[in-house]
Amino acid sequence: MTTNKSKANRKQQPRETLPSALIAYHVAERGEKSFWTRIGAAWDHEDAKGLTLQLELVPTNGGRIVLREPNAEEGQTEEGKGA
């Protein structure tokens, strides 16, 4: 029965106030180094058939967008994750 209460609470909260399922990074390659910049986050849909991606900025200079699970050191620029 706690599952029903959990779903009810989830519906009352805006998705963006819940912990994100994935973090979006822009990865730029410069020589042999990779520079990771956090640019947004993604949240699971309740039906588990998709994600909502919210980007804080959109890269305009190439590179790639990588989605990764959040970690304890979130918020730091990450380098060399090899995605």
PDB file of N, CA and C in Angstrom:
ATOM      1  N   MET A   1       0.804  -1.190   0.000  1.00  0.00           N
ATOM      2  CA  MET A   1       0.000   0.000   0.000  1.00  0.00           C
ATOM      3  C   MET A   1       0.849   1.257   0.000  1.00  0.00           C
ATOM      4  N   THR A   2       2.074   1.174   0.451  1.00  0.00           N
ATOM      5  CA  THR A   2       2.937   2.350   0.404  1.00  0.00           C
ATOM      6  C   THR A   2       3.236   2.752  -1.030  1.00  0.00           C
ATOM      7  N   THR A   3       3.151   1.815  -1.957  1.00  0.00           N
ATOM      8  CA  THR A   3       3.378   2.124  -3.359  1.00  0.00           C
ATOM      9  C   THR A   3       2.332   3.117  -3.861  1.00  0.00           C
ATOM     10  N   ASN A   4       1.064   2.924  -3.490  1.00  0.00           N
ATOM     11  CA  ASN A   4       0.016   3.844  -3.910  1.00  0.00           C
ATOM     12  C   ASN A   4       0.249   5.239  -3.343  1.00  0.00           C
ATOM     13  N   LYS A   5       0.636   5.322  -2.082  1.00  0.00           N
ATOM     14  CA  LYS A   5       0.932   6.626  -1.491  1.00  0.00           C
ATOM     15  C   LYS A   5       2.126   7.257  -2.188  1.00  0.00           C
ATOM     16  N   SER A   6       3.118   6.453  -2.506  1.00  0.00           N
ATOM     17  CA  SER A   6       4.299   6.961  -3.184  1.00  0.00           C
ATOM     18  C   SER A   6       3.932   7.541  -4.542  1.00  0.00           C
ATOM     19  N   LYS A   7       3.082   6.841  -5.302  1.00  0.00           N
ATOM     20  CA  LYS A   7       2.643   7.342  -6.601  1.00  0.00           C
ATOM     21  C   LYS A   7       1.831   8.619  -6.441  1.00  0.00           C
ATOM     22  N   ALA A   8       0.991   8.671  -5.415  1.00  0.00           N
ATOM     23  CA  ALA A   8       0.178   9.862  -5.191  1.00  0.00           C
ATOM     24  C   ALA A   8       1.071  11.055  -4.884  1.00  0.00           C
ATOM     25  N   ASN A   9       2.081  10.867  -4.045  1.00  0.00           N
ATOM     26  CA  ASN A   9       3.010  11.945  -3.728  1.00  0.00           C
ATOM     27  C   ASN A   9       3.784  12.382  -4.963  1.00  0.00           C
ATOM     28  N   ARG A  10       4.161  11.431  -5.785  1.00  0.00           N
ATOM     29  CA  ARG A  10       4.920  11.746  -6.993  1.00  0.00           C
ATOM     30  C   ARG A  10       4.087  12.600  -7.947  1.00  0.00           C
ATOM     31  N   LYS A  11       2.788  12.300  -8.062  1.00  0.00           N
ATOM     32  CA  LYS A  11       1.926  13.066  -8.953  1.00  0.00           C
ATOM     33  C   LYS A  11       1.747  14.494  -8.456  1.00  0.00           C
ATOM     34  N   GLN A  12       1.817  14.705  -7.152  1.00  0.00           N
ATOM     35  CA  GLN A  12       1.630  16.036  -6.598  1.00  0.00           C
ATOM     36  C   GLN A  12       2.865  16.908  -6.786  1.00  0.00           C
ATOM     37  N   GLN A  13       4.038  16.315  -6.868  1.00  0.00           N
ATOM     38  CA  GLN A  13       5.272  17.075  -7.013  1.00  0.00           C
ATOM     39  C   GLN A  13       5.594  17.283  -8.487  1.00  0.00           C
ATOM     40  N   PRO A  14       6.042  18.479  -8.870  1.00  0.00           N
ATOM     41  CA  PRO A  14       6.532  18.642 -10.233  1.00  0.00           C
ATOM     42  C   PRO A  14       7.726  17.722 -10.447  1.00  0.00           C
ATOM     43  N   ARG A  15       7.846  17.175 -11.636  1.00  0.00           N
ATOM     44  CA  ARG A  15       8.906  16.213 -11.950  1.00  0.00           C
ATOM     45  C   ARG A  15      10.290  16.771 -11.594  1.00  0.00           C
ATOM     46  N   GLU A  16      10.507  18.058 -11.858  1.00  0.00           N
ATOM     47  CA  GLU A  16      11.834  18.636 -11.668  1.00  0.00           C
ATOM     48  C   GLU A  16      12.243  18.756 -10.207  1.00  0.00           C
ATOM     49  N   THR A  17      11.311  18.576  -9.264  1.00  0.00           N
ATOM     50  CA  THR A  17      11.684  18.621  -7.852  1.00  0.00           C
ATOM     51  C   THR A  17      12.105  17.255  -7.337  1.00  0.00           C
ATOM     52  N   LEU A  18      11.853  16.205  -8.115  1.00  0.00           N
ATOM     53  CA  LEU A  18      12.266  14.852  -7.752  1.00  0.00           C
ATOM     54  C   LEU A  18      13.698  14.623  -8.213  1.00  0.00           C
ATOM     55  N   PRO A  19      14.424  13.686  -7.616  1.00  0.00           N
ATOM     56  CA  PRO A  19      15.789  13.401  -8.077  1.00  0.00           C
ATOM     57  C   PRO A  19      15.764  12.955  -9.548  1.00  0.00           C
ATOM     58  N   SER A  20      16.705  13.461 -10.321  1.00  0.00           N
ATOM     59  CA  SER A  20      16.751  13.100 -11.736  1.00  0.00           C
ATOM     60  C   SER A  20      17.293  11.689 -11.918  1.00  0.00           C
ATOM     61  N   ALA A  21      16.828  11.032 -12.975  1.00  0.00           N
ATOM     62  CA  ALA A  21      17.302   9.689 -13.294  1.00  0.00           C
ATOM     63  C   ALA A  21      18.673   9.748 -13.948  1.00  0.00           C
ATOM     64  N   LEU A  22      18.877  10.772 -14.781  1.00  0.00           N
ATOM     65  CA  LEU A  22      20.135  10.931 -15.508  1.00  0.00           C
ATOM     66  C   LEU A  22      20.522  12.403 -15.549  1.00  0.00           C
ATOM     67  N   ILE A  23      21.811  12.646 -15.688  1.00  0.00           N
ATOM     68  CA  ILE A  23      22.337  13.995 -15.851  1.00  0.00           C
ATOM     69  C   ILE A  23      22.824  14.118 -17.291  1.00  0.00           C
ATOM     70  N   ALA A  24      22.532  15.260 -17.934  1.00  0.00           N
ATOM     71  CA  ALA A  24      22.965  15.502 -19.307  1.00  0.00           C
ATOM     72  C   ALA A  24      24.246  16.330 -19.292  1.00  0.00           C
ATOM     73  N   TYR A  25      25.234  15.862 -20.044  1.00  0.00           N
ATOM     74  CA  TYR A  25      26.514  16.560 -20.173  1.00  0.00           C
ATOM     75  C   TYR A  25      26.803  16.836 -21.640  1.00  0.00           C
ATOM     76  N   HIS A  26      27.433  17.973 -21.905  1.00  0.00           N
ATOM     77  CA  HIS A  26      28.000  18.228 -23.227  1.00  0.00           C
ATOM     78  C   HIS A  26      29.463  17.822 -23.119  1.00  0.00           C
ATOM     79  N   VAL A  27      29.932  17.025 -24.076  1.00  0.00           N
ATOM     80  CA  VAL A  27      31.319  16.558 -24.058  1.00  0.00           C
ATOM     81  C   VAL A  27      32.026  17.128 -25.282  1.00  0.00           C
ATOM     82  N   ALA A  28      33.046  17.919 -25.037  1.00  0.00           N
ATOM     83  CA  ALA A  28      33.846  18.512 -26.110  1.00  0.00           C
ATOM     84  C   ALA A  28      35.220  17.860 -26.097  1.00  0.00           C
ATOM     85  N   GLU A  29      35.659  17.433 -27.254  1.00  0.00           N
ATOM     86  CA  GLU A  29      36.987  16.825 -27.398  1.00  0.00           C
ATOM     87  C   GLU A  29      37.959  17.916 -27.839  1.00  0.00           C
ATOM     88  N   ARG A  30      39.037  18.068 -27.096  1.00  0.00           N
ATOM     89  CA  ARG A  30      40.083  19.027 -27.455  1.00  0.00           C
ATOM     90  C   ARG A  30      41.412  18.308 -27.334  1.00  0.00           C
ATOM     91  N   GLY A  31      41.929  17.916 -28.483  1.00  0.00           N
ATOM     92  CA  GLY A  31      43.149  17.118 -28.468  1.00  0.00           C
ATOM     93  C   GLY A  31      42.857  15.771 -27.854  1.00  0.00           C
ATOM     94  N   GLU A  32      43.656  15.397 -26.876  1.00  0.00           N
ATOM     95  CA  GLU A  32      43.464  14.110 -26.210  1.00  0.00           C
ATOM     96  C   GLU A  32      42.574  14.220 -24.970  1.00  0.00           C
ATOM     97  N   LYS A  33      42.089  15.419 -24.684  1.00  0.00           N
ATOM     98  CA  LYS A  33      41.263  15.622 -23.485  1.00  0.00           C
ATOM     99  C   LYS A  33      39.793  15.753 -23.848  1.00  0.00           C
ATOM    100  N   SER A  34      38.937  15.324 -22.923  1.00  0.00           N
ATOM    101  CA  SER A  34      37.485  15.485 -23.029  1.00  0.00           C
ATOM    102  C   SER A  34      37.043  16.413 -21.910  1.00  0.00           C
ATOM    103  N   PHE A  35      36.234  17.397 -22.255  1.00  0.00           N
ATOM    104  CA  PHE A  35      35.723  18.335 -21.267  1.00  0.00           C
ATOM    105  C   PHE A  35      34.224  18.131 -21.126  1.00  0.00           C
ATOM    106  N   TRP A  36      33.790  17.791 -19.901  1.00  0.00           N
ATOM    107  CA  TRP A  36      32.398  17.484 -19.613  1.00  0.00           C
ATOM    108  C   TRP A  36      31.770  18.674 -18.882  1.00  0.00           C
ATOM    109  N   THR A  37      30.665  19.180 -19.409  1.00  0.00           N
ATOM    110  CA  THR A  37      29.945  20.285 -18.791  1.00  0.00           C
ATOM    111  C   THR A  37      28.499  19.868 -18.590  1.00  0.00           C
ATOM    112  N   ARG A  38      28.023  19.984 -17.370  1.00  0.00           N
ATOM    113  CA  ARG A  38      26.622  19.624 -17.102  1.00  0.00           C
ATOM    114  C   ARG A  38      25.710  20.644 -17.780  1.00  0.00           C
ATOM    115  N   ILE A  39      24.729  20.144 -18.534  1.00  0.00           N
ATOM    116  CA  ILE A  39      23.825  21.041 -19.256  1.00  0.00           C
ATOM    117  C   ILE A  39      22.352  20.776 -18.963  1.00  0.00           C
ATOM    118  N   GLY A  40      22.046  19.760 -18.154  1.00  0.00           N
ATOM    119  CA  GLY A  40      20.647  19.483 -17.851  1.00  0.00           C
ATOM    120  C   GLY A  40      20.467  18.166 -17.125  1.00  0.00           C
ATOM    121  N   ALA A  41      19.219  17.684 -17.145  1.00  0.00           N
ATOM    122  CA  ALA A  41      18.883  16.441 -16.446  1.00  0.00           C
ATOM    123  C   ALA A  41      17.696  15.781 -17.132  1.00  0.00           C
ATOM    124  N   ALA A  42      17.467  14.498 -16.805  1.00  0.00           N
ATOM    125  CA  ALA A  42      16.353  13.735 -17.371  1.00  0.00           C
ATOM    126  C   ALA A  42      15.632  12.988 -16.256  1.00  0.00           C
ATOM    127  N   TRP A  43      14.301  12.902 -16.405  1.00  0.00           N
ATOM    128  CA  TRP A  43      13.461  12.216 -15.430  1.00  0.00           C
ATOM    129  C   TRP A  43      12.683  11.111 -16.125  1.00  0.00           C
ATOM    130  N   ASP A  44      12.529   9.968 -15.426  1.00  0.00           N
ATOM    131  CA  ASP A  44      11.749   8.848 -15.951  1.00  0.00           C
ATOM    132  C   ASP A  44      10.275   9.216 -16.021  1.00  0.00           C
ATOM    133  N   HIS A  45       9.594   8.701 -17.036  1.00  0.00           N
ATOM    134  CA  HIS A  45       8.142   8.802 -17.093  1.00  0.00           C
ATOM    135  C   HIS A  45       7.558   7.758 -16.143  1.00  0.00           C
ATOM    136  N   GLU A  46       6.389   8.029 -15.621  1.00  0.00           N
ATOM    137  CA  GLU A  46       5.757   7.091 -14.680  1.00  0.00           C
ATOM    138  C   GLU A  46       5.513   5.732 -15.312  1.00  0.00           C
ATOM    139  N   ASP A  47       5.234   5.704 -16.624  1.00  0.00           N
ATOM    140  CA  ASP A  47       4.972   4.424 -17.282  1.00  0.00           C
ATOM    141  C   ASP A  47       6.252   3.701 -17.707  1.00  0.00           C
ATOM    142  N   ALA A  48       7.395   4.268 -17.377  1.00  0.00           N
ATOM    143  CA  ALA A  48       8.710   3.682 -17.670  1.00  0.00           C
ATOM    144  C   ALA A  48       8.951   3.482 -19.166  1.00  0.00           C
ATOM    145  N   LYS A  49       8.275   4.266 -20.003  1.00  0.00           N
ATOM    146  CA  LYS A  49       8.441   4.122 -21.448  1.00  0.00           C
ATOM    147  C   LYS A  49       9.153   5.318 -22.066  1.00  0.00           C
ATOM    148  N   GLY A  50       9.756   6.151 -21.239  1.00  0.00           N
ATOM    149  CA  GLY A  50      10.460   7.294 -21.792  1.00  0.00           C
ATOM    150  C   GLY A  50      11.052   8.174 -20.714  1.00  0.00           C
ATOM    151  N   LEU A  51      11.658   9.262 -21.156  1.00  0.00           N
ATOM    152  CA  LEU A  51      12.280  10.235 -20.268  1.00  0.00           C
ATOM    153  C   LEU A  51      11.875  11.635 -20.698  1.00  0.00           C
ATOM    154  N   THR A  52      11.856  12.548 -19.759  1.00  0.00           N
ATOM    155  CA  THR A  52      11.735  13.961 -20.067  1.00  0.00           C
ATOM    156  C   THR A  52      13.112  14.562 -19.879  1.00  0.00           C
ATOM    157  N   LEU A  53      13.619  15.209 -20.913  1.00  0.00           N
ATOM    158  CA  LEU A  53      14.949  15.820 -20.891  1.00  0.00           C
ATOM    159  C   LEU A  53      14.787  17.328 -20.807  1.00  0.00           C
ATOM    160  N   GLN A  54      15.369  17.934 -19.765  1.00  0.00           N
ATOM    161  CA  GLN A  54      15.337  19.382 -19.610  1.00  0.00           C
ATOM    162  C   GLN A  54      16.768  19.884 -19.724  1.00  0.00           C
ATOM    163  N   LEU A  55      17.033  20.678 -20.759  1.00  0.00           N
ATOM    164  CA  LEU A  55      18.366  21.224 -20.973  1.00  0.00           C
ATOM    165  C   LEU A  55      18.417  22.664 -20.498  1.00  0.00           C
ATOM    166  N   GLU A  56      19.466  23.000 -19.764  1.00  0.00           N
ATOM    167  CA  GLU A  56      19.678  24.362 -19.297  1.00  0.00           C
ATOM    168  C   GLU A  56      20.352  25.192 -20.382  1.00  0.00           C
ATOM    169  N   LEU A  57      21.084  24.532 -21.255  1.00  0.00           N
ATOM    170  CA  LEU A  57      21.687  25.197 -22.396  1.00  0.00           C
ATOM    171  C   LEU A  57      21.874  24.164 -23.491  1.00  0.00           C
ATOM    172  N   VAL A  58      21.952  24.645 -24.724  1.00  0.00           N
ATOM    173  CA  VAL A  58      22.118  23.756 -25.864  1.00  0.00           C
ATOM    174  C   VAL A  58      23.463  24.068 -26.505  1.00  0.00           C
ATOM    175  N   PRO A  59      24.346  23.069 -26.636  1.00  0.00           N
ATOM    176  CA  PRO A  59      25.651  23.313 -27.233  1.00  0.00           C
ATOM    177  C   PRO A  59      25.513  23.708 -28.706  1.00  0.00           C
ATOM    178  N   THR A  60      26.315  24.663 -29.136  1.00  0.00           N
ATOM    179  CA  THR A  60      26.270  25.107 -30.526  1.00  0.00           C
ATOM    180  C   THR A  60      27.573  24.847 -31.266  1.00  0.00           C
ATOM    181  N   ASN A  61      28.551  24.315 -30.569  1.00  0.00           N
ATOM    182  CA  ASN A  61      29.862  24.151 -31.192  1.00  0.00           C
ATOM    183  C   ASN A  61      30.243  22.688 -31.411  1.00  0.00           C
ATOM    184  N   GLY A  62      29.272  21.859 -31.690  1.00  0.00           N
ATOM    185  CA  GLY A  62      29.583  20.443 -31.909  1.00  0.00           C
ATOM    186  C   GLY A  62      29.676  19.686 -30.605  1.00  0.00           C
ATOM    187  N   GLY A  63      30.496  18.675 -30.595  1.00  0.00           N
ATOM    188  CA  GLY A  63      30.590  17.815 -29.417  1.00  0.00           C
ATOM    189  C   GLY A  63      29.424  16.851 -29.400  1.00  0.00           C
ATOM    190  N   ARG A  64      29.147  16.282 -28.245  1.00  0.00           N
ATOM    191  CA  ARG A  64      28.056  15.326 -28.114  1.00  0.00           C
ATOM    192  C   ARG A  64      27.382  15.509 -26.775  1.00  0.00           C
ATOM    193  N   ILE A  65      26.133  15.022 -26.678  1.00  0.00           N
ATOM    194  CA  ILE A  65      25.408  15.053 -25.408  1.00  0.00           C
ATOM    195  C   ILE A  65      25.395  13.632 -24.864  1.00  0.00           C
ATOM    196  N   VAL A  66      25.786  13.497 -23.603  1.00  0.00           N
ATOM    197  CA  VAL A  66      25.870  12.203 -22.938  1.00  0.00           C
ATOM    198  C   VAL A  66      24.955  12.239 -21.715  1.00  0.00           C
ATOM    199  N   LEU A  67      24.156  11.185 -21.524  1.00  0.00           N
ATOM    200  CA  LEU A  67      23.318  11.047 -20.337  1.00  0.00           C
ATOM    201  C   LEU A  67      23.932  10.000 -19.429  1.00  0.00           C
ATOM    202  N   ARG A  68      24.127  10.357 -18.153  1.00  0.00           N
ATOM    203  CA  ARG A  68      24.742   9.452 -17.184  1.00  0.00           C
ATOM    204  C   ARG A  68      23.959   9.496 -15.892  1.00  0.00           C
ATOM    205  N   GLU A  69      24.075   8.420 -15.113  1.00  0.00           N
ATOM    206  CA  GLU A  69      23.444   8.387 -13.792  1.00  0.00           C
ATOM    207  C   GLU A  69      24.132   9.403 -12.893  1.00  0.00           C
ATOM    208  N   PRO A  70      23.368  10.078 -12.013  1.00  0.00           N
ATOM    209  CA  PRO A  70      23.982  11.022 -11.077  1.00  0.00           C
ATOM    210  C   PRO A  70      24.924  10.298 -10.123  1.00  0.00           C
ATOM    211  N   ASN A  71      25.951  10.994  -9.669  1.00  0.00           N
ATOM    212  CA  ASN A  71      26.852  10.409  -8.676  1.00  0.00           C
ATOM    213  C   ASN A  71      27.006  11.373  -7.505  1.00  0.00           C
ATOM    214  N   ALA A  72      27.726  10.969  -6.501  1.00  0.00           N
ATOM    215  CA  ALA A  72      27.881  11.772  -5.290  1.00  0.00           C
ATOM    216  C   ALA A  72      28.623  13.069  -5.559  1.00  0.00           C
ATOM    217  N   GLU A  73      29.462  13.089  -6.560  1.00  0.00           N
ATOM    218  CA  GLU A  73      30.258  14.282  -6.861  1.00  0.00           C
ATOM    219  C   GLU A  73      29.626  15.105  -7.971  1.00  0.00           C
ATOM    220  N   GLU A  74      28.330  14.960  -8.161  1.00  0.00           N
ATOM    221  CA  GLU A  74      27.602  15.705  -9.175  1.00  0.00           C
ATOM    222  C   GLU A  74      27.842  17.192  -9.003  1.00  0.00           C
ATOM    223  N   GLY A  75      27.861  17.910 -10.109  1.00  0.00           N
ATOM    224  CA  GLY A  75      28.089  19.343 -10.041  1.00  0.00           C
ATOM    225  C   GLY A  75      29.510  19.720 -10.411  1.00  0.00           C
ATOM    226  N   GLN A  76      30.429  18.772 -10.354  1.00  0.00           N
ATOM    227  CA  GLN A  76      31.788  19.049 -10.780  1.00  0.00           C
ATOM    228  C   GLN A  76      31.907  18.766 -12.273  1.00  0.00           C
ATOM    229  N   THR A  77      32.750  19.525 -12.973  1.00  0.00           N
ATOM    230  CA  THR A  77      33.008  19.236 -14.373  1.00  0.00           C
ATOM    231  C   THR A  77      33.764  17.924 -14.413  1.00  0.00           C
ATOM    232  N   GLU A  78      33.338  17.030 -15.271  1.00  0.00           N
ATOM    233  CA  GLU A  78      33.937  15.708 -15.340  1.00  0.00           C
ATOM    234  C   GLU A  78      34.794  15.599 -16.580  1.00  0.00           C
ATOM    235  N   GLU A  79      35.843  14.838 -16.491  1.00  0.00           N
ATOM    236  CA  GLU A  79      36.779  14.706 -17.594  1.00  0.00           C
ATOM    237  C   GLU A  79      37.103  13.242 -17.832  1.00  0.00           C
ATOM    238  N   GLY A  80      37.161  12.853 -19.079  1.00  0.00           N
ATOM    239  CA  GLY A  80      37.640  11.531 -19.447  1.00  0.00           C
ATOM    240  C   GLY A  80      36.787  10.374 -18.985  1.00  0.00           C
ATOM    241  N   LYS A  81      35.465  10.466 -19.092  1.00  0.00           N
ATOM    242  CA  LYS A  81      34.606   9.366 -18.673  1.00  0.00           C
ATOM    243  C   LYS A  81      34.537   8.262 -19.723  1.00  0.00           C
ATOM    244  N   GLY A  82      34.949   8.554 -20.953  1.00  0.00           N
ATOM    245  CA  GLY A  82      34.973   7.532 -21.978  1.00  0.00           C
ATOM    246  C   GLY A  82      33.617   7.036 -22.424  1.00  0.00           C
ATOM    247  N   ALA A  83      32.702   7.955 -22.668  1.00  0.00           N
ATOM    248  CA  ALA A  83      31.365   7.536 -23.104  1.00  0.00           C
ATOM    249  C   ALA A  83      31.327   7.294 -24.589  1.00  0.00           C
TER     250      ALA A  83
END
